[in-house]
C-alpha atoms as a PDB file:
ATOM      1  CA  MET A   1       0.000   0.000   0.000  1.00  0.00           C
ATOM      2  CA  THR A   2       1.376   3.409  -0.995  1.00  0.00           C
ATOM      3  CA  THR A   3       2.215   5.785   1.844  1.00  0.00           C
ATOM      4  CA  TYR A   4       0.761   9.288   1.587  1.00  0.00           C
ATOM      5  CA  VAL A   5       2.107  12.085   3.794  1.00  0.00           C
ATOM      6  CA  ALA A   6       0.050  15.271   4.270  1.00  0.00           C
ATOM      7  CA  LEU A   7       1.838  18.432   5.413  1.00  0.00           C
ATOM      8  CA  GLY A   8       0.208  21.765   6.063  1.00  0.00           C
ATOM      9  CA  SER A   9      -1.834  24.269   8.014  1.00  0.00           C
ATOM     10  CA  SER A  10      -5.534  24.626   8.832  1.00  0.00           C
ATOM     11  CA  PHE A  11      -6.672  24.651   5.191  1.00  0.00           C
ATOM     12  CA  ALA A  12      -5.419  21.069   5.078  1.00  0.00           C
ATOM     13  CA  ALA A  13      -6.120  20.079   8.701  1.00  0.00           C
ATOM     14  CA  GLY A  14      -9.805  21.016   8.546  1.00  0.00           C
ATOM     15  CA  PRO A  15     -10.671  22.670  11.863  1.00  0.00           C
ATOM     16  CA  GLY A  16     -14.414  22.889  12.362  1.00  0.00           C
ATOM     17  CA  ILE A  17     -15.146  19.675  10.458  1.00  0.00           C
ATOM     18  CA  ALA A  18     -16.262  16.645  12.456  1.00  0.00           C
ATOM     19  CA  PRO A  19     -14.901  14.220  13.454  1.00  0.00           C
ATOM     20  CA  VAL A  20     -11.941  15.813  15.219  1.00  0.00           C
ATOM     21  CA  VAL A  21      -9.178  13.180  15.232  1.00  0.00           C
ATOM     22  CA  HIS A  22      -6.438  15.348  16.771  1.00  0.00           C
ATOM     23  CA  LYS A  23      -7.654  18.056  19.134  1.00  0.00           C
ATOM     24  CA  GLY A  24      -4.260  19.691  19.534  1.00  0.00           C
ATOM     25  CA  ALA A  25      -3.912  20.242  15.792  1.00  0.00           C
ATOM     26  CA  LEU A  26      -7.680  20.711  15.262  1.00  0.00           C
ATOM     27  CA  ARG A  27      -7.364  18.042  12.584  1.00  0.00           C
ATOM     28  CA  SER A  28     -10.438  16.508  10.996  1.00  0.00           C
ATOM     29  CA  GLY A  29     -10.914  12.921   9.939  1.00  0.00           C
ATOM     30  CA  ARG A  30     -12.716  14.257   6.859  1.00  0.00           C
ATOM     31  CA  ASN A  31     -10.103  16.761   5.705  1.00  0.00           C
ATOM     32  CA  TYR A  32      -8.864  16.485   2.151  1.00  0.00           C
ATOM     33  CA  PRO A  33      -5.887  14.230   3.033  1.00  0.00           C
ATOM     34  CA  HIS A  34      -8.197  11.673   4.646  1.00  0.00           C
ATOM     35  CA  GLN A  35     -10.538  11.781   1.674  1.00  0.00           C
ATOM     36  CA  VAL A  36      -7.685  11.430  -0.853  1.00  0.00           C
ATOM     37  CA  ALA A  37      -6.266   8.478   1.070  1.00  0.00           C
ATOM     38  CA  GLU A  38      -9.682   6.859   1.144  1.00  0.00           C
ATOM     39  CA  GLN A  39     -10.296   7.355  -2.578  1.00  0.00           C
ATOM     40  CA  LEU A  40      -6.867   6.008  -3.549  1.00  0.00           C
ATOM     41  CA  SER A  41      -6.569   3.311  -0.848  1.00  0.00           C
ATOM     42  CA  MET A  42      -3.356   4.817   0.526  1.00  0.00           C
ATOM     43  CA  ARG A  43      -1.830   4.582   3.985  1.00  0.00           C
ATOM     44  CA  LEU A  44      -2.111   8.118   5.357  1.00  0.00           C
ATOM     45  CA  ILE A  45       0.336   9.906   7.630  1.00  0.00           C
ATOM     46  CA  ASP A  46      -1.389  13.217   8.342  1.00  0.00           C
ATOM     47  CA  VAL A  47       0.562  15.760  10.393  1.00  0.00           C
ATOM     48  CA  THR A  48      -1.322  18.846   9.215  1.00  0.00           C
ATOM     49  CA  CYS A  49      -1.849  21.308  12.031  1.00  0.00           C
ATOM     50  CA  THR A  50      -3.904  24.448  12.451  1.00  0.00           C
ATOM     51  CA  GLY A  51      -1.656  27.493  12.754  1.00  0.00           C
ATOM     52  CA  ALA A  52       1.329  25.931  10.966  1.00  0.00           C
ATOM     53  CA  LYS A  53       3.799  28.112   9.086  1.00  0.00           C
ATOM     54  CA  THR A  54       6.439  26.982   6.619  1.00  0.00           C
ATOM     55  CA  VAL A  55       9.016  27.023   9.411  1.00  0.00           C
ATOM     56  CA  ASP A  56       6.882  24.490  11.306  1.00  0.00           C
ATOM     57  CA  ILE A  57       7.056  22.205   8.296  1.00  0.00           C
ATOM     58  CA  LEU A  58      10.816  22.529   7.908  1.00  0.00           C
ATOM     59  CA  ASN A  59      12.587  22.873  11.223  1.00  0.00           C
ATOM     60  CA  ALA A  60      10.603  24.272  14.154  1.00  0.00           C
ATOM     61  CA  PRO A  61       8.450  22.557  16.789  1.00  0.00           C
ATOM     62  CA  GLN A  62       4.937  23.979  16.729  1.00  0.00           C
ATOM     63  CA  ARG A  63       2.947  24.806  19.841  1.00  0.00           C
ATOM     64  CA  THR A  64      -0.572  23.386  19.606  1.00  0.00           C
ATOM     65  CA  LEU A  65      -3.615  23.445  21.859  1.00  0.00           C
ATOM     66  CA  ARG A  66      -2.223  20.327  23.535  1.00  0.00           C
ATOM     67  CA  GLY A  67       1.561  20.452  23.695  1.00  0.00           C
ATOM     68  CA  ARG A  68       4.057  20.651  20.874  1.00  0.00           C
ATOM     69  CA  MET A  69       4.521  18.928  17.525  1.00  0.00           C
ATOM     70  CA  GLY A  70       7.909  18.367  15.948  1.00  0.00           C
ATOM     71  CA  PRO A  71       8.711  19.665  12.448  1.00  0.00           C
ATOM     72  CA  GLN A  72       6.184  18.077  10.117  1.00  0.00           C
ATOM     73  CA  ILE A  73       8.760  17.086   7.544  1.00  0.00           C
ATOM     74  CA  ASP A  74      10.300  14.621  10.017  1.00  0.00           C
ATOM     75  CA  VAL A  75       7.574  12.089   9.153  1.00  0.00           C
ATOM     76  CA  VAL A  76       8.535  12.015   5.448  1.00  0.00           C
ATOM     77  CA  THR A  77      10.450   8.787   4.789  1.00  0.00           C
ATOM     78  CA  PRO A  78      11.770   7.098   1.625  1.00  0.00           C
ATOM     79  CA  ASP A  79       8.678   4.887   1.310  1.00  0.00           C
ATOM     80  CA  ALA A  80       6.363   7.883   0.742  1.00  0.00           C
ATOM     81  CA  GLY A  81       4.722   7.759  -2.670  1.00  0.00           C
ATOM     82  CA  LEU A  82       2.692  10.955  -2.355  1.00  0.00           C
ATOM     83  CA  VAL A  83       3.213  14.161  -0.373  1.00  0.00           C
ATOM     84  CA  THR A  84       0.778  17.089  -0.387  1.00  0.00           C
ATOM     85  CA  ILE A  85       1.673  20.540   0.944  1.00  0.00           C
ATOM     86  CA  THR A  86      -0.738  23.325   1.913  1.00  0.00           C
ATOM     87  CA  VAL A  87       0.985  26.028   3.952  1.00  0.00           C
ATOM     88  CA  GLY A  88       2.010  29.680   3.699  1.00  0.00           C
ATOM     89  CA  GLY A  89      -1.143  31.548   4.663  1.00  0.00           C
ATOM     90  CA  ASN A  90      -0.024  31.893   8.275  1.00  0.00           C
ATOM     91  CA  ASP A  91       3.348  33.227   7.146  1.00  0.00           C
ATOM     92  CA  LEU A  92       1.341  36.166   5.773  1.00  0.00           C
ATOM     93  CA  ASP A  93      -1.179  36.259   8.643  1.00  0.00           C
ATOM     94  CA  TYR A  94      -3.764  35.978   5.880  1.00  0.00           C
ATOM     95  CA  LEU A  95      -6.695  34.447   7.769  1.00  0.00           C
ATOM     96  CA  GLY A  96      -5.526  35.950  11.055  1.00  0.00           C
ATOM     97  CA  THR A  97      -5.821  39.472   9.659  1.00  0.00           C
ATOM     98  CA  LEU A  98      -9.181  38.722   8.070  1.00  0.00           C
ATOM     99  CA  THR A  99     -10.579  37.302  11.326  1.00  0.00           C
ATOM    100  CA  LYS A 100      -9.098  40.034  13.501  1.00  0.00           C
ATOM    101  CA  GLY A 101     -10.383  42.719  11.157  1.00  0.00           C
ATOM    102  CA  SER A 102     -13.861  41.215  11.196  1.00  0.00           C
ATOM    103  CA  LEU A 103     -13.858  41.122  14.991  1.00  0.00           C
ATOM    104  CA  VAL A 104     -12.668  44.732  15.229  1.00  0.00           C
ATOM    105  CA  ASN A 105     -15.251  45.962  12.741  1.00  0.00           C
ATOM    106  CA  ALA A 106     -18.030  44.066  14.492  1.00  0.00           C
ATOM    107  CA  ALA A 107     -16.934  45.562  17.809  1.00  0.00           C
ATOM    108  CA  ALA A 108     -16.781  49.080  16.325  1.00  0.00           C
ATOM    109  CA  LYS A 109     -20.330  48.661  15.061  1.00  0.00           C
ATOM    110  CA  ARG A 110     -21.524  47.669  18.525  1.00  0.00           C
ATOM    111  CA  LEU A 111     -19.720  50.708  19.950  1.00  0.00           C
ATOM    112  CA  GLY A 112     -21.543  53.076  17.620  1.00  0.00           C
ATOM    113  CA  PHE A 113     -22.500  55.258  20.563  1.00  0.00           C
ATOM    114  CA  LEU A 114     -18.848  56.375  20.794  1.00  0.00           C
ATOM    115  CA  PRO A 115     -17.528  59.330  18.764  1.00  0.00           C
ATOM    116  CA  ARG A 116     -16.935  58.496  15.091  1.00  0.00           C
ATOM    117  CA  ASN A 117     -13.227  59.276  15.304  1.00  0.00           C
ATOM    118  CA  VAL A 118     -12.849  56.650  18.051  1.00  0.00           C
ATOM    119  CA  THR A 119     -14.542  53.839  16.129  1.00  0.00           C
ATOM    120  CA  ASP A 120     -12.713  54.816  12.928  1.00  0.00           C
ATOM    121  CA  ARG A 121      -9.411  54.595  14.792  1.00  0.00           C
ATOM    122  CA  LEU A 122     -10.415  51.164  16.037  1.00  0.00           C
ATOM    123  CA  ARG A 123     -11.170  49.978  12.504  1.00  0.00           C
ATOM    124  CA  ARG A 124      -7.837  51.325  11.246  1.00  0.00           C
ATOM    125  CA  SER A 125      -5.933  49.413  13.926  1.00  0.00           C
ATOM    126  CA  VAL A 126      -5.822  46.365  11.626  1.00  0.00           C
ATOM    127  CA  ASP A 127      -3.384  46.575   8.702  1.00  0.00           C
ATOM    128  CA  TYR A 128      -4.644  44.587   5.709  1.00  0.00           C
ATOM    129  CA  VAL A 129      -1.757  45.411   3.354  1.00  0.00           C
ATOM    130  CA  THR A 130       0.799  42.638   2.740  1.00  0.00           C
ATOM    131  CA  PRO A 131       4.219  43.835   1.489  1.00  0.00           C
ATOM    132  CA  LEU A 132       5.221  42.234  -1.820  1.00  0.00           C
ATOM    133  CA  GLU A 133       8.458  40.827  -0.435  1.00  0.00           C
ATOM    134  CA  ARG A 134       6.509  38.582   1.933  1.00  0.00           C
ATOM    135  CA  PHE A 135       4.960  36.759  -1.029  1.00  0.00           C
ATOM    136  CA  ASP A 136       8.453  36.157  -2.413  1.00  0.00           C
ATOM    137  CA  ALA A 137       9.499  34.751   0.948  1.00  0.00           C
ATOM    138  CA  VAL A 138       6.558  32.340   0.956  1.00  0.00           C
ATOM    139  CA  ALA A 139       7.337  31.206  -2.585  1.00  0.00           C
ATOM    140  CA  ALA A 140      10.948  30.524  -1.610  1.00  0.00           C
ATOM    141  CA  ALA A 141       9.903  28.697   1.560  1.00  0.00           C
ATOM    142  CA  LEU A 142       7.422  26.495  -0.319  1.00  0.00           C
ATOM    143  CA  ALA A 143      10.083  25.575  -2.867  1.00  0.00           C
ATOM    144  CA  GLN A 144      12.412  24.710   0.010  1.00  0.00           C
ATOM    145  CA  VAL A 145       9.753  22.440   1.515  1.00  0.00           C
ATOM    146  CA  VAL A 146       9.483  20.603  -1.811  1.00  0.00           C
ATOM    147  CA  ARG A 147      13.265  20.217  -2.041  1.00  0.00           C
ATOM    148  CA  GLN A 148      13.485  18.828   1.484  1.00  0.00           C
ATOM    149  CA  VAL A 149      10.640  16.402   0.805  1.00  0.00           C
ATOM    150  CA  ARG A 150      12.446  15.119  -2.282  1.00  0.00           C
ATOM    151  CA  ILE A 151      15.643  14.571  -0.310  1.00  0.00           C
ATOM    152  CA  ARG A 152      13.716  12.373   2.120  1.00  0.00           C
ATOM    153  CA  ALA A 153      11.411  10.698  -0.405  1.00  0.00           C
ATOM    154  CA  PRO A 154      13.013  10.769  -3.865  1.00  0.00           C
ATOM    155  CA  ARG A 155      10.275   8.686  -5.509  1.00  0.00           C
ATOM    156  CA  ALA A 156       7.299  10.601  -4.094  1.00  0.00           C
ATOM    157  CA  GLN A 157       4.907  12.643  -6.185  1.00  0.00           C
ATOM    158  CA  VAL A 158       4.899  16.075  -4.537  1.00  0.00           C
ATOM    159  CA  VAL A 159       1.768  18.187  -4.896  1.00  0.00           C
ATOM    160  CA  LEU A 160       1.395  21.788  -3.775  1.00  0.00           C
ATOM    161  CA  VAL A 161      -2.256  22.512  -2.971  1.00  0.00           C
ATOM    162  CA  ASP A 162      -3.081  26.194  -2.616  1.00  0.00           C
ATOM    163  CA  TYR A 163      -5.868  27.797  -0.564  1.00  0.00           C
ATOM    164  CA  LEU A 164      -9.565  27.877  -1.358  1.00  0.00           C
ATOM    165  CA  THR A 165     -10.878  31.313  -2.288  1.00  0.00           C
ATOM    166  CA  VAL A 166     -12.359  32.998   0.783  1.00  0.00           C
ATOM    167  CA  LEU A 167     -13.639  36.328  -0.530  1.00  0.00           C
ATOM    168  CA  GLY A 168     -14.811  35.699  -4.060  1.00  0.00           C
ATOM    169  CA  PRO A 169     -16.851  38.001  -6.313  1.00  0.00           C
ATOM    170  CA  HIS A 170     -19.931  37.675  -4.079  1.00  0.00           C
ATOM    171  CA  ALA A 171     -18.271  38.939  -0.884  1.00  0.00           C
ATOM    172  CA  GLY A 172     -19.184  42.565  -1.507  1.00  0.00           C
ATOM    173  CA  GLU A 173     -22.887  41.643  -1.632  1.00  0.00           C
ATOM    174  CA  CYS A 174     -22.865  40.040   1.825  1.00  0.00           C
ATOM    175  CA  ALA A 175     -24.489  42.096   4.573  1.00  0.00           C
ATOM    176  CA  GLN A 176     -23.209  39.664   7.224  1.00  0.00           C
ATOM    177  CA  LEU A 177     -19.565  40.205   6.261  1.00  0.00           C
ATOM    178  CA  PRO A 178     -18.134  42.881   8.607  1.00  0.00           C
ATOM    179  CA  LEU A 179     -15.646  44.359   6.136  1.00  0.00           C
ATOM    180  CA  SER A 180     -15.581  47.471   4.005  1.00  0.00           C
ATOM    181  CA  ALA A 181     -15.118  47.339   0.226  1.00  0.00           C
ATOM    182  CA  ASP A 182     -11.515  48.561   0.580  1.00  0.00           C
ATOM    183  CA  GLN A 183     -10.750  45.908   3.187  1.00  0.00           C
ATOM    184  CA  ILE A 184     -12.249  43.190   0.987  1.00  0.00           C
ATOM    185  CA  ASP A 185     -10.036  44.357  -1.889  1.00  0.00           C
ATOM    186  CA  GLU A 186      -6.900  44.167   0.278  1.00  0.00           C
ATOM    187  CA  VAL A 187      -7.771  40.672   1.499  1.00  0.00           C
ATOM    188  CA  ARG A 188      -8.270  39.617  -2.113  1.00  0.00           C
ATOM    189  CA  ARG A 189      -4.855  41.051  -3.014  1.00  0.00           C
ATOM    190  CA  THR A 190      -3.268  38.955  -0.273  1.00  0.00           C
ATOM    191  CA  ALA A 191      -5.100  35.869  -1.521  1.00  0.00           C
ATOM    192  CA  ALA A 192      -3.908  36.533  -5.079  1.00  0.00           C
ATOM    193  CA  GLY A 193      -0.356  37.044  -3.845  1.00  0.00           C
ATOM    194  CA  LEU A 194      -0.497  33.747  -1.936  1.00  0.00           C
ATOM    195  CA  ALA A 195      -1.781  31.905  -5.019  1.00  0.00           C
ATOM    196  CA  GLY A 196       1.024  33.498  -7.024  1.00  0.00           C
ATOM    197  CA  ALA A 197       3.569  32.293  -4.470  1.00  0.00           C
ATOM    198  CA  PHE A 198       2.316  28.718  -4.883  1.00  0.00           C
ATOM    199  CA  HIS A 199       2.587  29.052  -8.665  1.00  0.00           C
ATOM    200  CA  ARG A 200       6.160  30.351  -8.513  1.00  0.00           C
ATOM    201  CA  ALA A 201       7.146  27.641  -6.039  1.00  0.00           C
ATOM    202  CA  ALA A 202       5.718  24.956  -8.328  1.00  0.00           C
ATOM    203  CA  VAL A 203       7.615  26.346 -11.330  1.00  0.00           C
ATOM    204  CA  THR A 204      10.851  26.651  -9.333  1.00  0.00           C
ATOM    205  CA  SER A 205      10.677  23.219  -7.704  1.00  0.00           C
ATOM    206  CA  GLY A 206       8.943  21.224 -10.416  1.00  0.00           C
ATOM    207  CA  ALA A 207       6.182  20.126  -8.031  1.00  0.00           C
ATOM    208  CA  ASP A 208       2.656  19.528  -9.234  1.00  0.00           C
ATOM    209  CA  LEU A 209       0.184  22.269  -8.383  1.00  0.00           C
ATOM    210  CA  VAL A 210      -3.502  22.000  -7.519  1.00  0.00           C
ATOM    211  CA  LYS A 211      -5.074  25.437  -7.934  1.00  0.00           C
ATOM    212  CA  ALA A 212      -7.840  25.176  -5.343  1.00  0.00           C
ATOM    213  CA  SER A 213      -8.027  28.978  -5.338  1.00  0.00           C
ATOM    214  CA  GLU A 214      -8.963  29.017  -9.011  1.00  0.00           C
ATOM    215  CA  ALA A 215     -11.423  26.123  -8.814  1.00  0.00           C
ATOM    216  CA  SER A 216     -13.235  27.735  -5.868  1.00  0.00           C
ATOM    217  CA  LEU A 217     -13.496  31.272  -7.199  1.00  0.00           C
ATOM    218  CA  GLU A 218     -17.302  31.093  -7.345  1.00  0.00           C
ATOM    219  CA  HIS A 219     -17.551  29.275  -3.997  1.00  0.00           C
ATOM    220  CA  GLY A 220     -16.351  31.872  -1.510  1.00  0.00           C
ATOM    221  CA  VAL A 221     -18.175  33.460   1.401  1.00  0.00           C
ATOM    222  CA  CYS A 222     -21.757  34.490   0.543  1.00  0.00           C
ATOM    223  CA  SER A 223     -21.850  32.571  -2.751  1.00  0.00           C
ATOM    224  CA  ALA A 224     -24.777  30.314  -3.578  1.00  0.00           C
ATOM    225  CA  ASP A 225     -22.610  27.234  -2.922  1.00  0.00           C
ATOM    226  CA  PRO A 226     -19.909  28.251  -0.415  1.00  0.00           C
ATOM    227  CA  TRP A 227     -16.940  26.000   0.260  1.00  0.00           C
ATOM    228  CA  ILE A 228     -15.832  28.356   3.052  1.00  0.00           C
ATOM    229  CA  THR A 229     -17.461  29.278   6.349  1.00  0.00           C
ATOM    230  CA  GLY A 230     -18.509  32.865   6.937  1.00  0.00           C
ATOM    231  CA  PHE A 231     -17.948  34.902  10.071  1.00  0.00           C
ATOM    232  CA  HIS A 232     -19.305  32.160  12.322  1.00  0.00           C
ATOM    233  CA  TRP A 233     -17.988  30.676  15.559  1.00  0.00           C
ATOM    234  CA  GLY A 234     -18.433  27.313  17.200  1.00  0.00           C
ATOM    235  CA  ASN A 235     -16.412  24.961  19.380  1.00  0.00           C
ATOM    236  CA  PRO A 236     -13.710  23.554  17.080  1.00  0.00           C
ATOM    237  CA  LEU A 237     -12.778  20.892  19.647  1.00  0.00           C
ATOM    238  CA  ALA A 238     -16.215  19.419  18.998  1.00  0.00           C
ATOM    239  CA  GLY A 239     -16.189  20.044  15.246  1.00  0.00           C
ATOM    240  CA  GLY A 240     -17.874  23.447  15.442  1.00  0.00           C
ATOM    241  CA  PRO A 241     -17.132  26.035  12.730  1.00  0.00           C
ATOM    242  CA  ILE A 242     -14.448  28.680  12.858  1.00  0.00           C
ATOM    243  CA  PRO A 243     -14.471  31.745  10.595  1.00  0.00           C
ATOM    244  CA  TYR A 244     -13.242  31.681   7.016  1.00  0.00           C
ATOM    245  CA  HIS A 245     -12.164  28.039   6.770  1.00  0.00           C
ATOM    246  CA  PRO A 246     -13.074  25.155   4.463  1.00  0.00           C
ATOM    247  CA  THR A 247     -16.373  23.374   4.949  1.00  0.00           C
ATOM    248  CA  LEU A 248     -16.725  19.631   4.420  1.00  0.00           C
ATOM    249  CA  THR A 249     -17.960  20.423   0.904  1.00  0.00           C
ATOM    250  CA  GLY A 250     -14.807  22.467   0.304  1.00  0.00           C
ATOM    251  CA  MET A 251     -12.556  19.693   1.589  1.00  0.00           C
ATOM    252  CA  THR A 252     -14.279  17.174  -0.651  1.00  0.00           C
ATOM    253  CA  ALA A 253     -13.788  19.480  -3.635  1.00  0.00           C
ATOM    254  CA  ILE A 254     -10.064  19.786  -2.871  1.00  0.00           C
ATOM    255  CA  ALA A 255      -9.743  16.018  -2.486  1.00  0.00           C
ATOM    256  CA  ASP A 256     -11.320  15.517  -5.909  1.00  0.00           C
ATOM    257  CA  LEU A 257      -8.907  18.052  -7.413  1.00  0.00           C
ATOM    258  CA  VAL A 258      -5.909  16.289  -5.858  1.00  0.00           C
ATOM    259  CA  VAL A 259      -7.063  12.875  -7.064  1.00  0.00           C
ATOM    260  CA  ALA A 260      -7.586  14.280 -10.565  1.00  0.00           C
ATOM    261  CA  GLN A 261      -4.083  15.793 -10.538  1.00  0.00           C
ATOM    262  CA  ILE A 262      -2.559  12.482  -9.477  1.00  0.00           C
ATOM    263  CA  ALA A 263      -4.397  10.656 -12.257  1.00  0.00           C
ATOM    264  CA  HIS A 264      -3.284  13.282 -14.788  1.00  0.00           C
ATOM    265  CA  THR A 265       0.369  13.010 -13.733  1.00  0.00           C
ATOM    266  CA  ARG A 266       0.280   9.218 -13.862  1.00  0.00           C
ATOM    267  CA  ALA A 267      -1.318   9.299 -17.308  1.00  0.00           C
ATOM    268  CA  GLU A 268       1.418  11.568 -18.624  1.00  0.00           C
ATOM    269  CA  GLY A 269       4.094   9.252 -17.282  1.00  0.00           C
ATOM    270  CA  PRO A 270       7.712  10.218 -16.569  1.00  0.00           C
ATOM    271  CA  ALA A 271       9.124  13.120 -18.563  1.00  0.00           C
ATOM    272  CA  SER A 272      11.471  12.138 -21.396  1.00  0.00           C
ATOM    273  CA  ASP A 273      14.936  13.629 -21.741  1.00  0.00           C
END
């Protein structure tokens, strides 16, 4: 049976999707790695963890809700036949900024009895702009993850899987979304920069790339068929939702994309010299 290793952050781990199989990592038993392994009858080693950054994949122990996890890449061994990688959003504080900004805006609305200059200052306390050099750093870090995986598992198919679209074209029509039009635009720029980093890393490293961001463009928050939660809170330890993360439908869509990419690569066969 082929061994499949899944590396990544919350968009791979699946917080808010029952069943929760690792409470420290907020890892779901129905995340896309579990579904891919099931579809392809692979032996899964899933070390995805909510909050992970590229450094947590490569060389740093990560603090979780229940202790620490060693660098994720340590589980990659020569028998791995498939490795998927979804990480980089936390390097940019992508979802963190979006969630924090939503909380601040919601609080400012509730504090509407205060002077306008006070609530405006509160809203401006969150910086949505991501400097361009940070996208370059993520691209370089992703390529380094691929290189280190290949050192440990030379025969593995390595697949970069980018992030589902969160704020698609319908976000501006959503009354429940506590963001201004300018803030939505900045979040979209960060999302586009992250997708671009995955693309550059794939080109640089030669890894396969699953463009979940592109496939989910019409499935963001407030769309008719969302693959992402809105600004909703639950108890993630019990499988309750957390804001702006993949739903079970979204995870299933990613799994199908990964399986299709694997089939496509196998059909093409090894590249000729």
